[in-house]
Amino acid sequence: PAEDPEACAPAVTACSFLRGSFAFVLVAAVHARGSYGEVLAYDLRGFGSDEGAGGVKASHETDSFEGAPFGELSAHHSQDGVFLLGGAGKVRVLQVRQNSGGR
């Protein structure tokens, strides 16, 4: 089968821990294909215990959006769950929120 010329192997291009009450969250920008990518959020509470023994799986994955490859990902200085994501000609402000189940 013909390969998609826009396709590339998924690669983490930027990552950061959030701050304050969300310091246990690692967010990673992934370049998936062409100018599209996703953001993965990892809840690392319990990773040092038996709960994390099977490896770390993303707690949340965004839908694919334009702007990849994302070269900058930075936690907001005054809002714990907010981070900025910079890519090719775009800057996005994204937010992580804790749901009622605590994750």
N, C-alpha and C. Protein backbone atom coordinates (compact mmCIF):
# COMPACT_ATOMS: atom_id res chain seq x y z
N PRO A 1 0.83 -1.20 0.00
CA PRO A 1 0.00 0.00 0.00
C PRO A 1 0.87 1.25 0.00
N ALA A 2 0.37 2.28 -0.66
CA ALA A 2 1.10 3.55 -0.72
C ALA A 2 1.07 4.22 0.65
N GLU A 3 2.21 4.79 1.03
CA GLU A 3 2.28 5.47 2.32
C GLU A 3 1.86 6.91 2.17
N ASP A 4 1.24 7.45 3.21
CA ASP A 4 0.83 8.84 3.25
C ASP A 4 2.07 9.71 3.38
N PRO A 5 2.32 10.63 2.42
CA PRO A 5 3.53 11.46 2.50
C PRO A 5 3.50 12.41 3.69
N GLU A 6 2.33 12.67 4.25
CA GLU A 6 2.20 13.54 5.42
C GLU A 6 2.45 12.78 6.72
N ALA A 7 2.48 11.45 6.66
CA ALA A 7 2.58 10.64 7.87
C ALA A 7 4.00 10.67 8.43
N CYS A 8 4.08 10.58 9.73
CA CYS A 8 5.38 10.46 10.40
C CYS A 8 5.15 9.64 11.66
N ALA A 9 6.20 9.10 12.20
CA ALA A 9 6.06 8.35 13.44
C ALA A 9 5.72 9.35 14.55
N PRO A 10 4.73 9.04 15.39
CA PRO A 10 4.40 9.97 16.49
C PRO A 10 5.63 10.25 17.34
N ALA A 11 5.82 11.52 17.67
CA ALA A 11 6.99 11.90 18.46
C ALA A 11 6.60 12.99 19.45
N VAL A 12 7.09 12.87 20.68
CA VAL A 12 6.88 13.92 21.67
C VAL A 12 7.81 15.07 21.30
N THR A 13 7.23 16.26 21.10
CA THR A 13 8.03 17.41 20.71
C THR A 13 8.19 18.43 21.83
N ALA A 14 7.35 18.34 22.86
CA ALA A 14 7.46 19.24 24.01
C ALA A 14 6.70 18.63 25.18
N CYS A 15 7.17 18.88 26.40
CA CYS A 15 6.45 18.39 27.57
C CYS A 15 6.78 19.26 28.78
N SER A 16 5.89 19.20 29.78
CA SER A 16 6.10 19.99 30.98
C SER A 16 5.20 19.48 32.09
N PHE A 17 5.67 19.61 33.32
CA PHE A 17 4.79 19.40 34.46
C PHE A 17 4.02 20.68 34.69
N LEU A 18 2.80 20.56 35.20
CA LEU A 18 2.03 21.74 35.57
C LEU A 18 2.48 22.19 36.94
N ARG A 19 1.82 23.21 37.51
CA ARG A 19 2.26 23.80 38.77
C ARG A 19 1.23 23.63 39.88
N GLY A 20 1.66 23.95 41.09
CA GLY A 20 0.77 24.03 42.24
C GLY A 20 -0.04 22.78 42.48
N SER A 21 -1.36 22.93 42.53
CA SER A 21 -2.24 21.80 42.84
C SER A 21 -2.31 20.78 41.72
N PHE A 22 -1.70 21.07 40.56
CA PHE A 22 -1.66 20.12 39.45
C PHE A 22 -0.23 19.67 39.15
N ALA A 23 0.66 19.77 40.12
CA ALA A 23 2.06 19.42 39.91
C ALA A 23 2.27 17.94 39.61
N PHE A 24 1.27 17.10 39.82
CA PHE A 24 1.36 15.68 39.52
C PHE A 24 1.00 15.38 38.06
N VAL A 25 0.65 16.41 37.29
CA VAL A 25 0.23 16.23 35.90
C VAL A 25 1.39 16.56 34.96
N LEU A 26 1.71 15.62 34.09
CA LEU A 26 2.68 15.83 33.03
C LEU A 26 1.89 15.95 31.73
N VAL A 27 2.10 17.01 30.97
CA VAL A 27 1.45 17.15 29.67
C VAL A 27 2.52 17.04 28.59
N ALA A 28 2.19 16.35 27.52
CA ALA A 28 3.15 16.12 26.43
C ALA A 28 2.48 16.41 25.10
N ALA A 29 3.15 17.18 24.26
CA ALA A 29 2.67 17.46 22.91
C ALA A 29 3.27 16.42 21.97
N VAL A 30 2.41 15.85 21.13
CA VAL A 30 2.83 14.79 20.22
C VAL A 30 2.57 15.23 18.78
N HIS A 31 3.59 15.13 17.94
CA HIS A 31 3.45 15.41 16.51
C HIS A 31 3.04 14.11 15.85
N ALA A 32 1.83 14.08 15.30
CA ALA A 32 1.30 12.84 14.75
C ALA A 32 1.49 12.73 13.24
N ARG A 33 1.11 13.79 12.52
CA ARG A 33 1.24 13.76 11.06
C ARG A 33 1.10 15.17 10.50
N GLY A 34 1.90 15.49 9.51
CA GLY A 34 1.80 16.79 8.85
C GLY A 34 1.81 17.93 9.85
N SER A 35 0.76 18.74 9.81
CA SER A 35 0.66 19.88 10.73
C SER A 35 -0.29 19.58 11.88
N TYR A 36 -0.56 18.30 12.14
CA TYR A 36 -1.50 17.90 13.20
C TYR A 36 -0.78 17.20 14.35
N GLY A 37 -1.33 17.39 15.53
CA GLY A 37 -0.79 16.74 16.71
C GLY A 37 -1.83 16.67 17.81
N GLU A 38 -1.46 16.06 18.91
CA GLU A 38 -2.33 15.91 20.07
C GLU A 38 -1.56 16.28 21.32
N VAL A 39 -2.31 16.45 22.40
CA VAL A 39 -1.70 16.65 23.71
C VAL A 39 -2.17 15.51 24.60
N LEU A 40 -1.23 14.90 25.29
CA LEU A 40 -1.52 13.82 26.24
C LEU A 40 -1.29 14.35 27.65
N ALA A 41 -2.19 14.01 28.56
CA ALA A 41 -2.04 14.39 29.96
C ALA A 41 -1.87 13.11 30.78
N TYR A 42 -0.88 13.11 31.65
CA TYR A 42 -0.59 11.96 32.50
C TYR A 42 -0.76 12.34 33.96
N ASP A 43 -1.59 11.59 34.66
CA ASP A 43 -1.78 11.76 36.10
C ASP A 43 -0.77 10.83 36.77
N LEU A 44 0.27 11.39 37.37
CA LEU A 44 1.35 10.57 37.91
C LEU A 44 1.21 10.27 39.40
N ARG A 45 0.04 10.60 39.99
CA ARG A 45 -0.16 10.20 41.38
C ARG A 45 -0.17 8.68 41.45
N GLY A 46 0.54 8.13 42.37
CA GLY A 46 0.57 6.68 42.53
C GLY A 46 1.59 5.98 41.64
N PHE A 47 2.30 6.72 40.81
CA PHE A 47 3.27 6.08 39.93
C PHE A 47 4.38 5.38 40.70
N GLY A 48 4.74 5.90 41.85
CA GLY A 48 5.79 5.28 42.65
C GLY A 48 5.30 4.09 43.46
N SER A 49 4.00 3.80 43.39
CA SER A 49 3.44 2.67 44.15
C SER A 49 3.18 1.50 43.21
N ASP A 50 2.54 0.47 43.74
CA ASP A 50 2.20 -0.70 42.93
C ASP A 50 1.22 -0.34 41.81
N GLU A 51 0.42 0.72 42.00
CA GLU A 51 -0.55 1.15 40.99
C GLU A 51 0.15 1.49 39.68
N GLY A 52 1.36 2.05 39.76
CA GLY A 52 2.09 2.45 38.56
C GLY A 52 3.00 1.38 38.01
N ALA A 53 2.95 0.18 38.55
CA ALA A 53 3.88 -0.88 38.16
C ALA A 53 3.69 -1.34 36.72
N GLY A 54 2.51 -1.16 36.15
CA GLY A 54 2.25 -1.61 34.78
C GLY A 54 2.63 -0.59 33.73
N GLY A 55 3.25 0.50 34.10
CA GLY A 55 3.59 1.54 33.14
C GLY A 55 2.60 2.69 33.25
N VAL A 56 2.90 3.75 32.58
CA VAL A 56 2.06 4.94 32.66
C VAL A 56 1.28 5.08 31.36
N LYS A 57 -0.03 5.18 31.48
CA LYS A 57 -0.89 5.41 30.33
C LYS A 57 -1.47 6.81 30.43
N ALA A 58 -1.70 7.44 29.30
CA ALA A 58 -2.27 8.78 29.30
C ALA A 58 -3.63 8.76 29.97
N SER A 59 -3.87 9.74 30.83
CA SER A 59 -5.17 9.89 31.48
C SER A 59 -6.16 10.55 30.54
N HIS A 60 -5.63 11.37 29.62
CA HIS A 60 -6.48 12.06 28.66
C HIS A 60 -5.67 12.35 27.40
N GLU A 61 -6.35 12.30 26.25
CA GLU A 61 -5.74 12.65 24.98
C GLU A 61 -6.69 13.59 24.25
N THR A 62 -6.18 14.72 23.78
CA THR A 62 -7.02 15.65 23.04
C THR A 62 -7.31 15.11 21.66
N ASP A 63 -8.30 15.69 21.01
CA ASP A 63 -8.51 15.43 19.60
C ASP A 63 -7.32 16.03 18.85
N SER A 64 -7.11 15.61 17.63
CA SER A 64 -6.04 16.14 16.81
C SER A 64 -6.36 17.57 16.41
N PHE A 65 -5.36 18.44 16.45
CA PHE A 65 -5.56 19.81 15.98
C PHE A 65 -4.31 20.33 15.29
N GLU A 66 -4.49 21.40 14.50
CA GLU A 66 -3.40 21.97 13.71
C GLU A 66 -2.42 22.76 14.55
N GLY A 67 -1.23 22.93 14.00
CA GLY A 67 -0.20 23.74 14.64
C GLY A 67 1.08 22.97 14.91
N ALA A 68 1.05 21.67 14.66
CA ALA A 68 2.23 20.84 14.91
C ALA A 68 3.27 21.07 13.84
N PRO A 69 4.53 20.82 14.11
CA PRO A 69 5.02 20.31 15.38
C PRO A 69 5.03 21.40 16.45
N PHE A 70 4.67 21.01 17.66
CA PHE A 70 4.60 21.93 18.79
C PHE A 70 5.98 21.99 19.44
N GLY A 71 6.57 23.16 19.46
CA GLY A 71 7.92 23.30 19.97
C GLY A 71 7.99 23.81 21.39
N GLU A 72 6.90 24.38 21.89
CA GLU A 72 6.90 24.95 23.24
C GLU A 72 5.65 24.51 23.99
N LEU A 73 5.84 24.12 25.23
CA LEU A 73 4.74 23.79 26.12
C LEU A 73 5.17 24.30 27.49
N SER A 74 4.40 25.22 28.05
CA SER A 74 4.82 25.86 29.29
C SER A 74 3.64 26.03 30.23
N ALA A 75 3.84 25.68 31.48
CA ALA A 75 2.81 25.88 32.50
C ALA A 75 2.59 27.37 32.72
N HIS A 76 1.34 27.77 32.90
CA HIS A 76 1.01 29.16 33.20
C HIS A 76 1.56 29.49 34.58
N HIS A 77 2.07 30.69 34.77
CA HIS A 77 2.72 31.02 36.04
C HIS A 77 1.76 31.25 37.20
N SER A 78 0.51 31.62 36.92
CA SER A 78 -0.39 31.93 38.04
C SER A 78 -1.64 31.07 38.10
N GLN A 79 -1.90 30.25 37.09
CA GLN A 79 -3.08 29.38 37.11
C GLN A 79 -2.62 27.93 36.97
N ASP A 80 -2.81 27.17 38.02
CA ASP A 80 -2.25 25.81 38.13
C ASP A 80 -2.57 24.88 36.96
N GLY A 81 -3.80 24.80 36.51
CA GLY A 81 -4.18 23.82 35.49
C GLY A 81 -4.07 24.32 34.07
N VAL A 82 -3.51 25.50 33.86
CA VAL A 82 -3.45 26.11 32.52
C VAL A 82 -2.03 26.02 31.97
N PHE A 83 -1.94 25.76 30.66
CA PHE A 83 -0.63 25.76 30.02
C PHE A 83 -0.75 26.31 28.61
N LEU A 84 0.37 26.80 28.11
CA LEU A 84 0.43 27.36 26.76
C LEU A 84 1.16 26.38 25.86
N LEU A 85 0.65 26.24 24.65
CA LEU A 85 1.21 25.32 23.67
C LEU A 85 1.52 26.10 22.41
N GLY A 86 2.79 26.15 22.03
CA GLY A 86 3.19 26.89 20.84
C GLY A 86 3.63 25.97 19.74
N GLY A 87 3.12 26.26 18.54
CA GLY A 87 3.47 25.43 17.39
C GLY A 87 3.73 26.29 16.18
N ALA A 88 3.55 25.70 15.02
CA ALA A 88 3.80 26.37 13.75
C ALA A 88 2.74 27.45 13.50
N GLY A 89 3.06 28.69 13.87
CA GLY A 89 2.17 29.81 13.62
C GLY A 89 0.97 29.90 14.54
N LYS A 90 0.93 29.13 15.61
CA LYS A 90 -0.21 29.13 16.52
C LYS A 90 0.26 29.03 17.96
N VAL A 91 -0.47 29.69 18.84
CA VAL A 91 -0.28 29.52 20.28
C VAL A 91 -1.66 29.22 20.86
N ARG A 92 -1.75 28.16 21.62
CA ARG A 92 -3.03 27.76 22.24
C ARG A 92 -2.89 27.82 23.74
N VAL A 93 -3.98 28.17 24.39
CA VAL A 93 -4.07 28.13 25.84
C VAL A 93 -5.01 26.97 26.17
N LEU A 94 -4.50 25.99 26.90
CA LEU A 94 -5.28 24.80 27.24
C LEU A 94 -5.36 24.67 28.75
N GLN A 95 -6.37 23.92 29.21
CA GLN A 95 -6.58 23.77 30.64
C GLN A 95 -6.84 22.32 31.00
N VAL A 96 -6.26 21.89 32.12
CA VAL A 96 -6.51 20.58 32.68
C VAL A 96 -7.43 20.80 33.88
N ARG A 97 -8.50 20.01 33.96
CA ARG A 97 -9.42 20.09 35.10
C ARG A 97 -9.58 18.72 35.72
N GLN A 98 -9.74 18.70 37.00
CA GLN A 98 -9.95 17.44 37.71
C GLN A 98 -11.45 17.15 37.71
N ASN A 99 -11.83 15.93 37.31
CA ASN A 99 -13.26 15.60 37.31
C ASN A 99 -13.71 15.16 38.69
N SER A 100 -14.98 14.89 38.82
CA SER A 100 -15.56 14.56 40.13
C SER A 100 -15.00 13.27 40.71
N GLY A 101 -14.44 12.40 39.89
CA GLY A 101 -13.84 11.15 40.37
C GLY A 101 -12.42 11.33 40.89
N GLY A 102 -11.91 12.56 40.86
CA GLY A 102 -10.57 12.83 41.37
C GLY A 102 -9.47 12.65 40.35
N ARG A 103 -9.81 12.28 39.13
CA ARG A 103 -8.79 12.11 38.07
C ARG A 103 -9.09 13.03 36.92
